[in-house]
N, C-alpha and C. Protein backbone atom coordinates (compact mmCIF):
# COMPACT_ATOMS: atom_id res chain seq x y z
N UNK A 1 10.32 18.18 -76.19
CA UNK A 1 11.05 16.92 -76.14
C UNK A 1 12.52 17.21 -76.46
N UNK A 2 13.44 16.67 -75.68
CA UNK A 2 14.86 16.93 -75.86
C UNK A 2 15.61 15.64 -76.13
N UNK A 3 16.71 15.77 -76.87
CA UNK A 3 17.59 14.63 -77.11
C UNK A 3 18.83 14.77 -76.22
N UNK A 4 19.02 13.84 -75.27
CA UNK A 4 20.18 13.95 -74.38
C UNK A 4 21.47 13.60 -75.11
N UNK A 5 22.55 14.05 -74.54
CA UNK A 5 23.86 13.75 -75.13
C UNK A 5 24.27 12.34 -74.76
N UNK A 6 23.85 11.38 -75.56
CA UNK A 6 24.21 9.98 -75.34
C UNK A 6 24.61 9.38 -76.67
N UNK A 7 25.08 8.15 -76.62
CA UNK A 7 25.47 7.45 -77.84
C UNK A 7 24.27 6.98 -78.64
N UNK A 8 23.10 6.99 -78.02
CA UNK A 8 21.88 6.54 -78.70
C UNK A 8 21.15 7.75 -79.28
N UNK A 9 21.20 7.94 -80.61
CA UNK A 9 20.58 9.13 -81.21
C UNK A 9 19.05 9.10 -81.17
N UNK A 10 18.49 7.93 -80.90
CA UNK A 10 17.03 7.79 -80.89
C UNK A 10 16.42 8.00 -79.51
N UNK A 11 17.26 8.10 -78.49
CA UNK A 11 16.75 8.27 -77.14
C UNK A 11 16.28 9.71 -76.93
N UNK A 12 15.10 9.89 -76.39
CA UNK A 12 14.58 11.23 -76.14
C UNK A 12 14.07 11.31 -74.72
N UNK A 13 13.99 12.53 -74.23
CA UNK A 13 13.40 12.80 -72.93
C UNK A 13 12.09 13.54 -73.15
N UNK A 14 11.03 13.10 -72.50
CA UNK A 14 9.76 13.79 -72.64
C UNK A 14 9.42 14.52 -71.35
N UNK A 15 8.78 15.66 -71.48
CA UNK A 15 8.41 16.47 -70.33
C UNK A 15 6.91 16.73 -70.35
N UNK A 16 6.30 16.65 -69.19
CA UNK A 16 4.87 16.92 -69.07
C UNK A 16 4.68 18.11 -68.15
N UNK A 17 3.78 19.03 -68.51
CA UNK A 17 3.50 20.21 -67.71
C UNK A 17 2.04 20.19 -67.27
N UNK A 18 1.84 20.30 -65.98
CA UNK A 18 0.50 20.40 -65.41
C UNK A 18 0.39 21.73 -64.67
N UNK A 19 -0.59 22.54 -65.01
CA UNK A 19 -0.76 23.83 -64.38
C UNK A 19 -2.11 23.84 -63.65
N UNK A 20 -2.08 24.22 -62.38
CA UNK A 20 -3.30 24.28 -61.57
C UNK A 20 -3.43 25.67 -60.95
N UNK A 21 -4.65 26.16 -60.93
CA UNK A 21 -4.91 27.41 -60.22
C UNK A 21 -4.63 27.21 -58.73
N UNK A 22 -3.91 28.15 -58.15
CA UNK A 22 -3.58 28.04 -56.72
C UNK A 22 -4.85 27.99 -55.87
N UNK A 23 -5.88 28.72 -56.30
CA UNK A 23 -7.13 28.75 -55.53
C UNK A 23 -7.81 27.39 -55.53
N UNK A 24 -7.67 26.65 -56.66
CA UNK A 24 -8.29 25.32 -56.75
C UNK A 24 -7.60 24.35 -55.79
N UNK A 25 -6.28 24.39 -55.77
CA UNK A 25 -5.53 23.53 -54.86
C UNK A 25 -5.82 23.91 -53.40
N UNK A 26 -5.93 25.20 -53.14
CA UNK A 26 -6.20 25.65 -51.77
C UNK A 26 -7.57 25.17 -51.32
N UNK A 27 -8.56 25.22 -52.22
CA UNK A 27 -9.91 24.77 -51.86
C UNK A 27 -9.92 23.28 -51.59
N UNK A 28 -9.23 22.52 -52.42
CA UNK A 28 -9.14 21.07 -52.20
C UNK A 28 -8.44 20.78 -50.88
N UNK A 29 -7.39 21.55 -50.58
CA UNK A 29 -6.65 21.35 -49.34
C UNK A 29 -7.55 21.60 -48.13
N UNK A 30 -8.35 22.67 -48.19
CA UNK A 30 -9.23 22.99 -47.07
C UNK A 30 -10.25 21.90 -46.82
N UNK A 31 -10.76 21.27 -47.87
CA UNK A 31 -11.73 20.19 -47.69
C UNK A 31 -11.09 18.97 -47.05
N UNK A 32 -9.75 18.96 -47.03
CA UNK A 32 -9.03 17.84 -46.43
C UNK A 32 -8.28 18.23 -45.16
N UNK A 33 -8.65 19.37 -44.58
CA UNK A 33 -8.08 19.76 -43.30
C UNK A 33 -6.72 20.41 -43.37
N UNK A 34 -6.29 20.82 -44.56
CA UNK A 34 -5.00 21.50 -44.71
C UNK A 34 -5.27 22.99 -44.87
N UNK A 35 -4.96 23.76 -43.85
CA UNK A 35 -5.27 25.19 -43.88
C UNK A 35 -4.21 26.01 -44.59
N UNK A 36 -4.52 27.29 -44.76
CA UNK A 36 -3.56 28.22 -45.36
C UNK A 36 -2.48 28.57 -44.33
N UNK A 37 -1.31 29.07 -44.73
CA UNK A 37 -0.89 29.20 -46.13
C UNK A 37 -0.50 27.84 -46.73
N UNK A 38 -0.72 27.69 -48.01
CA UNK A 38 -0.42 26.43 -48.69
C UNK A 38 0.88 26.61 -49.47
N UNK A 39 1.96 26.10 -48.92
CA UNK A 39 3.28 26.23 -49.56
C UNK A 39 3.73 24.87 -50.06
N UNK A 40 4.58 24.91 -51.08
CA UNK A 40 5.05 23.67 -51.70
C UNK A 40 6.56 23.60 -51.72
N UNK A 41 7.06 22.39 -51.69
CA UNK A 41 8.50 22.15 -51.73
C UNK A 41 8.96 22.16 -53.18
N UNK A 42 9.94 22.97 -53.50
CA UNK A 42 10.49 22.98 -54.87
C UNK A 42 11.23 21.67 -55.10
N UNK A 43 10.83 20.95 -56.12
CA UNK A 43 11.41 19.63 -56.40
C UNK A 43 11.87 19.60 -57.84
N UNK A 44 13.14 19.29 -58.06
CA UNK A 44 13.70 19.26 -59.40
C UNK A 44 14.36 17.92 -59.67
N UNK A 45 14.36 17.54 -60.94
CA UNK A 45 15.06 16.33 -61.40
C UNK A 45 14.61 15.08 -60.63
N UNK A 46 13.36 15.09 -60.22
CA UNK A 46 12.80 13.92 -59.52
C UNK A 46 11.59 13.43 -60.30
N UNK A 47 11.74 12.32 -61.01
CA UNK A 47 10.61 11.82 -61.82
C UNK A 47 9.42 11.44 -60.93
N UNK A 48 8.24 11.68 -61.42
CA UNK A 48 7.02 11.25 -60.75
C UNK A 48 6.19 10.50 -61.80
N UNK A 49 6.36 9.18 -61.88
CA UNK A 49 5.67 8.40 -62.91
C UNK A 49 4.15 8.56 -62.87
N UNK A 50 3.59 8.72 -61.66
CA UNK A 50 2.14 8.85 -61.55
C UNK A 50 1.65 10.12 -62.25
N UNK A 51 2.27 11.26 -61.94
CA UNK A 51 1.87 12.52 -62.57
C UNK A 51 2.15 12.50 -64.07
N UNK A 52 3.23 11.83 -64.46
CA UNK A 52 3.52 11.72 -65.89
C UNK A 52 2.41 10.96 -66.60
N UNK A 53 1.94 9.87 -65.98
CA UNK A 53 0.85 9.08 -66.58
C UNK A 53 -0.44 9.89 -66.65
N UNK A 54 -0.69 10.69 -65.60
CA UNK A 54 -1.89 11.53 -65.60
C UNK A 54 -1.81 12.54 -66.75
N UNK A 55 -0.64 13.16 -66.91
CA UNK A 55 -0.48 14.15 -67.99
C UNK A 55 -0.67 13.50 -69.36
N UNK A 56 -0.13 12.28 -69.52
CA UNK A 56 -0.29 11.58 -70.79
C UNK A 56 -1.76 11.26 -71.06
N UNK A 57 -2.47 10.85 -70.00
CA UNK A 57 -3.89 10.53 -70.16
C UNK A 57 -4.69 11.78 -70.50
N UNK A 58 -4.35 12.91 -69.87
CA UNK A 58 -5.04 14.16 -70.17
C UNK A 58 -4.77 14.61 -71.59
N UNK A 59 -3.57 14.34 -72.09
CA UNK A 59 -3.24 14.69 -73.47
C UNK A 59 -4.10 13.93 -74.45
N UNK A 60 -4.40 12.67 -74.12
CA UNK A 60 -5.20 11.84 -75.02
C UNK A 60 -6.70 12.05 -74.84
N UNK A 61 -7.10 12.77 -73.79
CA UNK A 61 -8.52 12.94 -73.47
C UNK A 61 -9.35 13.54 -74.61
N UNK A 62 -8.83 14.55 -75.36
CA UNK A 62 -9.65 15.11 -76.45
C UNK A 62 -10.03 14.09 -77.51
N UNK A 63 -9.32 12.97 -77.58
CA UNK A 63 -9.62 11.95 -78.57
C UNK A 63 -10.76 11.04 -78.13
N UNK A 64 -11.20 11.17 -76.88
CA UNK A 64 -12.28 10.32 -76.37
C UNK A 64 -13.62 10.86 -76.86
N UNK A 65 -14.26 10.14 -77.75
CA UNK A 65 -15.56 10.56 -78.28
C UNK A 65 -16.64 9.91 -77.44
N UNK A 66 -16.82 10.44 -76.26
CA UNK A 66 -17.75 9.84 -75.31
C UNK A 66 -18.40 10.94 -74.49
N UNK A 67 -19.71 10.84 -74.21
CA UNK A 67 -20.36 11.89 -73.42
C UNK A 67 -19.84 12.00 -72.00
N UNK A 68 -19.12 10.97 -71.53
CA UNK A 68 -18.57 11.00 -70.18
C UNK A 68 -17.10 11.44 -70.19
N UNK A 69 -16.65 12.05 -71.27
CA UNK A 69 -15.24 12.47 -71.36
C UNK A 69 -14.89 13.44 -70.24
N UNK A 70 -15.81 14.37 -69.92
CA UNK A 70 -15.55 15.32 -68.84
C UNK A 70 -15.38 14.61 -67.50
N UNK A 71 -16.14 13.54 -67.31
CA UNK A 71 -16.02 12.75 -66.09
C UNK A 71 -14.63 12.14 -65.99
N UNK A 72 -14.11 11.66 -67.10
CA UNK A 72 -12.77 11.09 -67.17
C UNK A 72 -11.72 12.15 -66.81
N UNK A 73 -11.87 13.34 -67.39
CA UNK A 73 -10.91 14.42 -67.16
C UNK A 73 -10.95 14.89 -65.71
N UNK A 74 -12.15 15.07 -65.17
CA UNK A 74 -12.30 15.54 -63.79
C UNK A 74 -11.66 14.56 -62.80
N UNK A 75 -11.82 13.27 -63.06
CA UNK A 75 -11.24 12.26 -62.18
C UNK A 75 -9.73 12.33 -62.20
N UNK A 76 -9.15 12.52 -63.39
CA UNK A 76 -7.69 12.62 -63.51
C UNK A 76 -7.16 13.87 -62.80
N UNK A 77 -7.84 15.00 -62.98
CA UNK A 77 -7.40 16.24 -62.35
C UNK A 77 -7.42 16.12 -60.83
N UNK A 78 -8.48 15.52 -60.30
CA UNK A 78 -8.56 15.36 -58.85
C UNK A 78 -7.47 14.43 -58.33
N UNK A 79 -7.16 13.39 -59.09
CA UNK A 79 -6.09 12.47 -58.69
C UNK A 79 -4.74 13.18 -58.68
N UNK A 80 -4.50 14.03 -59.68
CA UNK A 80 -3.24 14.77 -59.75
C UNK A 80 -3.13 15.75 -58.58
N UNK A 81 -4.21 16.45 -58.28
CA UNK A 81 -4.19 17.40 -57.16
C UNK A 81 -3.92 16.70 -55.84
N UNK A 82 -4.55 15.55 -55.65
CA UNK A 82 -4.34 14.80 -54.42
C UNK A 82 -2.88 14.37 -54.29
N UNK A 83 -2.29 13.98 -55.41
CA UNK A 83 -0.88 13.58 -55.41
C UNK A 83 0.01 14.75 -55.01
N UNK A 84 -0.27 15.92 -55.55
CA UNK A 84 0.52 17.10 -55.25
C UNK A 84 0.43 17.46 -53.76
N UNK A 85 -0.79 17.41 -53.22
CA UNK A 85 -0.98 17.74 -51.80
C UNK A 85 -0.30 16.70 -50.90
N UNK A 86 -0.35 15.45 -51.30
CA UNK A 86 0.28 14.40 -50.48
C UNK A 86 1.80 14.50 -50.49
N UNK A 87 2.36 14.70 -51.68
CA UNK A 87 3.81 14.54 -51.84
C UNK A 87 4.61 15.83 -51.88
N UNK A 88 3.95 16.97 -52.19
CA UNK A 88 4.73 18.18 -52.43
C UNK A 88 4.32 19.38 -51.57
N UNK A 89 3.30 19.23 -50.73
CA UNK A 89 2.95 20.33 -49.84
C UNK A 89 4.00 20.47 -48.74
N UNK A 90 4.28 21.69 -48.35
CA UNK A 90 5.30 21.94 -47.32
C UNK A 90 4.91 21.28 -46.01
N UNK A 91 3.65 21.40 -45.62
CA UNK A 91 3.15 20.72 -44.43
C UNK A 91 2.32 19.54 -44.89
N UNK A 92 2.83 18.35 -44.75
CA UNK A 92 2.20 17.19 -45.35
C UNK A 92 1.21 16.53 -44.40
N UNK A 93 0.08 17.18 -44.26
CA UNK A 93 -0.98 16.57 -43.48
C UNK A 93 -1.56 15.40 -44.25
N UNK A 94 -1.91 14.33 -43.57
CA UNK A 94 -2.60 13.25 -44.29
C UNK A 94 -3.96 13.74 -44.75
N UNK A 95 -4.37 13.31 -45.96
CA UNK A 95 -5.67 13.72 -46.47
C UNK A 95 -6.75 13.04 -45.66
N UNK A 96 -7.62 13.85 -45.06
CA UNK A 96 -8.65 13.31 -44.20
C UNK A 96 -9.90 13.01 -44.99
N UNK A 97 -10.91 12.47 -44.30
CA UNK A 97 -12.17 12.17 -44.97
C UNK A 97 -12.64 10.77 -44.63
N UNK A 98 -13.82 10.41 -45.13
CA UNK A 98 -14.36 9.08 -44.83
C UNK A 98 -13.49 7.98 -45.42
N UNK A 99 -13.49 6.83 -44.77
CA UNK A 99 -12.65 5.71 -45.22
C UNK A 99 -13.35 4.86 -46.27
N UNK A 100 -14.66 4.97 -46.38
CA UNK A 100 -15.41 4.17 -47.36
C UNK A 100 -16.76 4.82 -47.62
N UNK A 101 -17.36 4.45 -48.75
CA UNK A 101 -18.72 4.88 -49.04
C UNK A 101 -19.68 4.04 -48.21
N UNK A 102 -20.68 4.70 -47.65
CA UNK A 102 -21.72 3.92 -46.99
C UNK A 102 -22.60 3.29 -48.07
N UNK A 103 -23.38 2.30 -47.67
CA UNK A 103 -24.29 1.66 -48.64
C UNK A 103 -25.26 2.68 -49.22
N UNK A 104 -25.74 3.60 -48.40
CA UNK A 104 -26.68 4.61 -48.87
C UNK A 104 -26.01 5.57 -49.86
N UNK A 105 -24.76 5.94 -49.60
CA UNK A 105 -24.06 6.84 -50.52
C UNK A 105 -23.81 6.16 -51.87
N UNK A 106 -23.41 4.89 -51.83
CA UNK A 106 -23.16 4.16 -53.07
C UNK A 106 -24.47 4.00 -53.85
N UNK A 107 -25.52 3.67 -53.15
CA UNK A 107 -26.82 3.49 -53.81
C UNK A 107 -27.30 4.80 -54.42
N UNK A 108 -27.11 5.91 -53.69
CA UNK A 108 -27.54 7.21 -54.20
C UNK A 108 -26.78 7.58 -55.48
N UNK A 109 -25.49 7.30 -55.50
CA UNK A 109 -24.68 7.59 -56.69
C UNK A 109 -25.12 6.75 -57.88
N UNK A 110 -25.31 5.46 -57.64
CA UNK A 110 -25.71 4.56 -58.73
C UNK A 110 -27.11 4.89 -59.23
N UNK A 111 -28.02 5.20 -58.31
CA UNK A 111 -29.38 5.59 -58.72
C UNK A 111 -29.35 6.86 -59.57
N UNK A 112 -28.50 7.80 -59.17
CA UNK A 112 -28.39 9.05 -59.94
C UNK A 112 -27.86 8.76 -61.34
N UNK A 113 -26.84 7.92 -61.44
CA UNK A 113 -26.28 7.57 -62.75
C UNK A 113 -27.35 6.91 -63.63
N UNK A 114 -28.10 5.97 -63.06
CA UNK A 114 -29.14 5.29 -63.83
C UNK A 114 -30.24 6.25 -64.27
N UNK A 115 -30.62 7.17 -63.40
CA UNK A 115 -31.69 8.12 -63.71
C UNK A 115 -31.26 9.14 -64.76
N UNK A 116 -29.96 9.48 -64.77
CA UNK A 116 -29.47 10.53 -65.66
C UNK A 116 -28.61 9.98 -66.79
N UNK A 117 -28.78 8.71 -67.13
CA UNK A 117 -27.87 8.05 -68.05
C UNK A 117 -27.86 8.68 -69.44
N UNK A 118 -28.93 9.33 -69.84
CA UNK A 118 -28.95 9.93 -71.17
C UNK A 118 -28.37 11.35 -71.16
N UNK A 119 -27.96 11.84 -69.98
CA UNK A 119 -27.37 13.17 -69.87
C UNK A 119 -25.84 13.08 -69.86
N UNK A 120 -25.20 14.24 -69.99
CA UNK A 120 -23.75 14.30 -69.92
C UNK A 120 -23.33 14.34 -68.45
N UNK A 121 -23.10 13.19 -67.88
CA UNK A 121 -22.81 13.08 -66.44
C UNK A 121 -21.44 13.65 -66.11
N UNK A 122 -21.35 14.34 -64.98
CA UNK A 122 -20.10 14.93 -64.52
C UNK A 122 -19.81 14.48 -63.10
N UNK A 123 -18.54 14.49 -62.76
CA UNK A 123 -18.13 14.04 -61.43
C UNK A 123 -18.77 14.88 -60.33
N UNK A 124 -18.91 16.19 -60.57
CA UNK A 124 -19.46 17.07 -59.55
C UNK A 124 -20.91 16.71 -59.21
N UNK A 125 -21.71 16.40 -60.22
CA UNK A 125 -23.12 16.08 -59.98
C UNK A 125 -23.28 14.71 -59.32
N UNK A 126 -22.47 13.74 -59.72
CA UNK A 126 -22.58 12.40 -59.12
C UNK A 126 -22.12 12.43 -57.67
N UNK A 127 -21.00 13.11 -57.41
CA UNK A 127 -20.49 13.18 -56.04
C UNK A 127 -21.46 13.96 -55.14
N UNK A 128 -22.11 14.97 -55.72
CA UNK A 128 -23.10 15.73 -54.95
C UNK A 128 -24.29 14.84 -54.56
N UNK A 129 -24.69 13.94 -55.45
CA UNK A 129 -25.78 13.02 -55.15
C UNK A 129 -25.43 12.11 -53.97
N UNK A 130 -24.12 11.81 -53.83
CA UNK A 130 -23.67 10.97 -52.73
C UNK A 130 -23.31 11.78 -51.49
N UNK A 131 -23.35 13.11 -51.60
CA UNK A 131 -23.06 13.96 -50.46
C UNK A 131 -21.59 14.05 -50.11
N UNK A 132 -20.71 13.97 -51.13
CA UNK A 132 -19.27 14.00 -50.89
C UNK A 132 -18.60 14.99 -51.83
N UNK A 133 -17.36 15.36 -51.49
CA UNK A 133 -16.56 16.18 -52.40
C UNK A 133 -16.14 15.31 -53.58
N UNK A 134 -15.77 15.97 -54.68
CA UNK A 134 -15.38 15.23 -55.87
C UNK A 134 -14.18 14.32 -55.61
N UNK A 135 -13.19 14.84 -54.90
CA UNK A 135 -11.98 14.05 -54.65
C UNK A 135 -12.31 12.81 -53.82
N UNK A 136 -13.01 13.00 -52.72
CA UNK A 136 -13.32 11.85 -51.87
C UNK A 136 -14.19 10.84 -52.61
N UNK A 137 -15.17 11.34 -53.36
CA UNK A 137 -16.07 10.43 -54.05
C UNK A 137 -15.33 9.57 -55.07
N UNK A 138 -14.51 10.18 -55.91
CA UNK A 138 -13.81 9.43 -56.95
C UNK A 138 -12.96 8.32 -56.36
N UNK A 139 -12.25 8.64 -55.28
CA UNK A 139 -11.37 7.65 -54.64
C UNK A 139 -12.18 6.53 -53.99
N UNK A 140 -13.24 6.89 -53.26
CA UNK A 140 -14.02 5.89 -52.53
C UNK A 140 -14.91 5.07 -53.47
N UNK A 141 -15.37 5.69 -54.55
CA UNK A 141 -16.20 4.96 -55.50
C UNK A 141 -15.40 3.83 -56.15
N UNK A 142 -14.16 4.13 -56.51
CA UNK A 142 -13.33 3.08 -57.11
C UNK A 142 -13.03 1.98 -56.10
N UNK A 143 -12.81 2.36 -54.85
CA UNK A 143 -12.55 1.36 -53.81
C UNK A 143 -13.76 0.46 -53.61
N UNK A 144 -14.97 1.02 -53.76
CA UNK A 144 -16.20 0.26 -53.52
C UNK A 144 -16.59 -0.62 -54.71
N UNK A 145 -16.31 -0.14 -55.93
CA UNK A 145 -16.79 -0.84 -57.13
C UNK A 145 -15.68 -1.51 -57.93
N UNK A 146 -14.43 -1.10 -57.71
CA UNK A 146 -13.33 -1.66 -58.49
C UNK A 146 -13.08 -0.94 -59.80
N UNK A 147 -13.90 0.06 -60.12
CA UNK A 147 -13.73 0.82 -61.36
C UNK A 147 -13.91 2.31 -61.07
N UNK A 148 -13.41 3.13 -61.98
CA UNK A 148 -13.57 4.58 -61.82
C UNK A 148 -15.01 4.97 -62.18
N UNK A 149 -15.44 6.17 -61.77
CA UNK A 149 -16.78 6.63 -62.17
C UNK A 149 -16.96 6.63 -63.69
N UNK A 150 -15.93 7.03 -64.43
CA UNK A 150 -16.01 7.03 -65.89
C UNK A 150 -16.26 5.63 -66.42
N UNK A 151 -15.51 4.65 -65.92
CA UNK A 151 -15.68 3.27 -66.37
C UNK A 151 -17.06 2.73 -66.00
N UNK A 152 -17.54 3.09 -64.82
CA UNK A 152 -18.85 2.61 -64.37
C UNK A 152 -19.96 3.19 -65.24
N UNK A 153 -19.87 4.49 -65.53
CA UNK A 153 -20.88 5.13 -66.37
C UNK A 153 -20.89 4.51 -67.77
N UNK A 154 -19.71 4.31 -68.34
CA UNK A 154 -19.63 3.70 -69.67
C UNK A 154 -20.21 2.30 -69.66
N UNK A 155 -19.87 1.52 -68.66
CA UNK A 155 -20.42 0.15 -68.56
C UNK A 155 -21.93 0.17 -68.41
N UNK A 156 -22.45 1.09 -67.61
CA UNK A 156 -23.89 1.20 -67.41
C UNK A 156 -24.58 1.56 -68.71
N UNK A 157 -23.99 2.49 -69.46
CA UNK A 157 -24.56 2.88 -70.75
C UNK A 157 -24.60 1.69 -71.72
N UNK A 158 -23.52 0.93 -71.75
CA UNK A 158 -23.47 -0.20 -72.68
C UNK A 158 -24.45 -1.30 -72.28
N UNK A 159 -24.61 -1.53 -71.00
CA UNK A 159 -25.57 -2.55 -70.55
C UNK A 159 -27.00 -2.12 -70.87
N UNK A 160 -27.29 -0.83 -70.70
CA UNK A 160 -28.62 -0.32 -71.05
C UNK A 160 -28.85 -0.45 -72.56
N UNK A 161 -27.82 -0.15 -73.34
CA UNK A 161 -27.93 -0.26 -74.79
C UNK A 161 -28.16 -1.71 -75.22
N UNK A 162 -27.46 -2.64 -74.60
CA UNK A 162 -27.66 -4.06 -74.93
C UNK A 162 -29.08 -4.49 -74.63
N UNK A 163 -29.60 -4.03 -73.52
CA UNK A 163 -30.98 -4.37 -73.15
C UNK A 163 -31.96 -3.85 -74.21
N UNK A 164 -31.76 -2.62 -74.65
CA UNK A 164 -32.64 -2.04 -75.67
C UNK A 164 -32.48 -2.75 -77.02
N UNK A 165 -31.27 -3.16 -77.34
CA UNK A 165 -31.05 -3.88 -78.59
C UNK A 165 -31.73 -5.24 -78.58
N UNK A 166 -31.72 -5.89 -77.42
CA UNK A 166 -32.33 -7.22 -77.31
C UNK A 166 -33.85 -7.16 -77.27
N UNK A 167 -34.39 -6.15 -76.59
CA UNK A 167 -35.82 -6.17 -76.27
C UNK A 167 -36.68 -5.22 -77.09
N UNK A 168 -36.05 -4.37 -77.91
CA UNK A 168 -36.84 -3.42 -78.70
C UNK A 168 -36.35 -3.44 -80.15
N UNK A 169 -37.14 -2.78 -81.00
CA UNK A 169 -36.75 -2.59 -82.40
C UNK A 169 -36.39 -1.12 -82.66
N UNK A 170 -36.02 -0.42 -81.61
CA UNK A 170 -35.65 0.98 -81.76
C UNK A 170 -34.44 1.11 -82.70
N UNK A 171 -34.43 2.13 -83.55
CA UNK A 171 -33.26 2.34 -84.41
C UNK A 171 -32.03 2.68 -83.58
N UNK A 172 -30.87 2.42 -84.14
CA UNK A 172 -29.61 2.61 -83.42
C UNK A 172 -29.45 4.05 -82.94
N UNK A 173 -29.83 5.01 -83.78
CA UNK A 173 -29.63 6.41 -83.39
C UNK A 173 -30.46 6.76 -82.16
N UNK A 174 -31.65 6.17 -82.03
CA UNK A 174 -32.48 6.46 -80.86
C UNK A 174 -31.94 5.78 -79.61
N UNK A 175 -31.42 4.58 -79.76
CA UNK A 175 -30.78 3.91 -78.62
C UNK A 175 -29.57 4.72 -78.16
N UNK A 176 -28.80 5.21 -79.11
CA UNK A 176 -27.64 6.04 -78.78
C UNK A 176 -28.06 7.24 -77.94
N UNK A 177 -29.13 7.91 -78.34
CA UNK A 177 -29.61 9.08 -77.59
C UNK A 177 -30.09 8.69 -76.20
N UNK A 178 -30.74 7.54 -76.09
CA UNK A 178 -31.27 7.11 -74.79
C UNK A 178 -30.18 6.77 -73.79
N UNK A 179 -28.99 6.46 -74.27
CA UNK A 179 -27.90 6.14 -73.34
C UNK A 179 -26.83 7.25 -73.33
N UNK A 180 -27.20 8.44 -73.85
CA UNK A 180 -26.33 9.60 -73.67
C UNK A 180 -25.44 10.00 -74.80
N UNK A 181 -25.54 9.34 -75.96
CA UNK A 181 -24.69 9.67 -77.09
C UNK A 181 -25.46 10.47 -78.12
N UNK A 182 -24.99 11.67 -78.43
CA UNK A 182 -25.65 12.52 -79.42
C UNK A 182 -25.30 12.10 -80.84
N UNK A 183 -24.14 11.46 -81.00
CA UNK A 183 -23.71 11.01 -82.32
C UNK A 183 -23.69 9.49 -82.36
N UNK A 184 -24.53 8.87 -83.24
CA UNK A 184 -24.57 7.40 -83.34
C UNK A 184 -23.21 6.79 -83.65
N UNK A 185 -22.38 7.51 -84.41
CA UNK A 185 -21.06 6.96 -84.75
C UNK A 185 -20.19 6.81 -83.50
N UNK A 186 -20.28 7.76 -82.56
CA UNK A 186 -19.51 7.65 -81.32
C UNK A 186 -20.05 6.51 -80.46
N UNK A 187 -21.37 6.36 -80.45
CA UNK A 187 -21.97 5.25 -79.71
C UNK A 187 -21.52 3.92 -80.28
N UNK A 188 -21.56 3.77 -81.60
CA UNK A 188 -21.19 2.51 -82.23
C UNK A 188 -19.72 2.17 -81.98
N UNK A 189 -18.87 3.19 -82.02
CA UNK A 189 -17.44 2.96 -81.78
C UNK A 189 -17.20 2.50 -80.35
N UNK A 190 -17.86 3.14 -79.38
CA UNK A 190 -17.70 2.75 -77.98
C UNK A 190 -18.29 1.37 -77.74
N UNK A 191 -19.44 1.09 -78.33
CA UNK A 191 -20.08 -0.22 -78.17
C UNK A 191 -19.17 -1.32 -78.71
N UNK A 192 -18.57 -1.07 -79.86
CA UNK A 192 -17.66 -2.07 -80.45
C UNK A 192 -16.43 -2.27 -79.58
N UNK A 193 -15.91 -1.18 -79.01
CA UNK A 193 -14.72 -1.29 -78.17
C UNK A 193 -15.00 -2.09 -76.91
N UNK A 194 -16.19 -1.94 -76.35
CA UNK A 194 -16.55 -2.62 -75.10
C UNK A 194 -17.02 -4.05 -75.35
N UNK A 195 -17.80 -4.25 -76.42
CA UNK A 195 -18.48 -5.54 -76.63
C UNK A 195 -17.81 -6.42 -77.67
N UNK A 196 -16.90 -5.87 -78.46
CA UNK A 196 -16.23 -6.69 -79.47
C UNK A 196 -16.99 -6.78 -80.78
N UNK A 197 -18.15 -6.14 -80.87
CA UNK A 197 -18.92 -6.11 -82.11
C UNK A 197 -19.78 -4.86 -82.12
N UNK A 198 -20.27 -4.48 -83.29
CA UNK A 198 -21.11 -3.31 -83.39
C UNK A 198 -22.52 -3.59 -82.90
N UNK A 199 -23.31 -2.55 -82.65
CA UNK A 199 -24.67 -2.74 -82.16
C UNK A 199 -25.55 -3.54 -83.12
N UNK A 200 -25.42 -3.35 -84.43
CA UNK A 200 -26.21 -4.12 -85.39
C UNK A 200 -25.90 -5.61 -85.29
N UNK A 201 -24.62 -5.93 -85.23
CA UNK A 201 -24.22 -7.34 -85.12
C UNK A 201 -24.69 -7.93 -83.80
N UNK A 202 -24.63 -7.14 -82.73
CA UNK A 202 -25.09 -7.63 -81.43
C UNK A 202 -26.58 -7.95 -81.49
N UNK A 203 -27.33 -7.06 -82.09
CA UNK A 203 -28.79 -7.28 -82.20
C UNK A 203 -29.08 -8.55 -83.01
N UNK A 204 -28.37 -8.77 -84.07
CA UNK A 204 -28.58 -9.98 -84.89
C UNK A 204 -28.23 -11.24 -84.11
N UNK A 205 -27.12 -11.18 -83.35
CA UNK A 205 -26.71 -12.36 -82.58
C UNK A 205 -27.69 -12.66 -81.45
N UNK A 206 -28.43 -11.63 -81.00
CA UNK A 206 -29.42 -11.82 -79.94
C UNK A 206 -30.74 -12.33 -80.51
N UNK A 207 -30.79 -12.45 -81.84
CA UNK A 207 -32.00 -12.99 -82.47
C UNK A 207 -33.14 -12.03 -82.54
N UNK A 208 -32.83 -10.72 -82.57
CA UNK A 208 -33.91 -9.72 -82.63
C UNK A 208 -33.86 -8.98 -83.95
């Protein structure tokens, strides 16, 4: 972080650094019809608010105490790579691929999430269930559902937890495990953030 030469001593400039393996970008480019060689335009002193926001989100990712944290990170990385290929590749081919998820692809992804809800779900496994690359799946899934895969998985986990809280007398730690949380404290914190109250209070309000 640097302090520019201005009259405002409190003004600072922040810098974000994103490093990607060239082979990873090349593989993503090939899946979108951009062949080798993959060259980039040197760009200086040009702010990119989108990439800055991605870097900030990645910085905060370790603080996410959620079994789907990897899903969150993978989605951000793919979004950043897509931005780089769109805006900074020397030959700016439009990113190709399907324009929308088919009903069968969406159903396959949702069925997979529901079946594996107690596991640590990752973008690669969910997109594979739908028969798509990670980049295409993340973009099209949000277009189809209005939320990212990470948000959808978290919402699904919380809805499953609410159902168990209402209909069973299972202890909180067991419900946490059934919806993918190894630590009950992380489950309770996420449940409170999503629902506005803790799981115990929710169960009491449901009359169980």
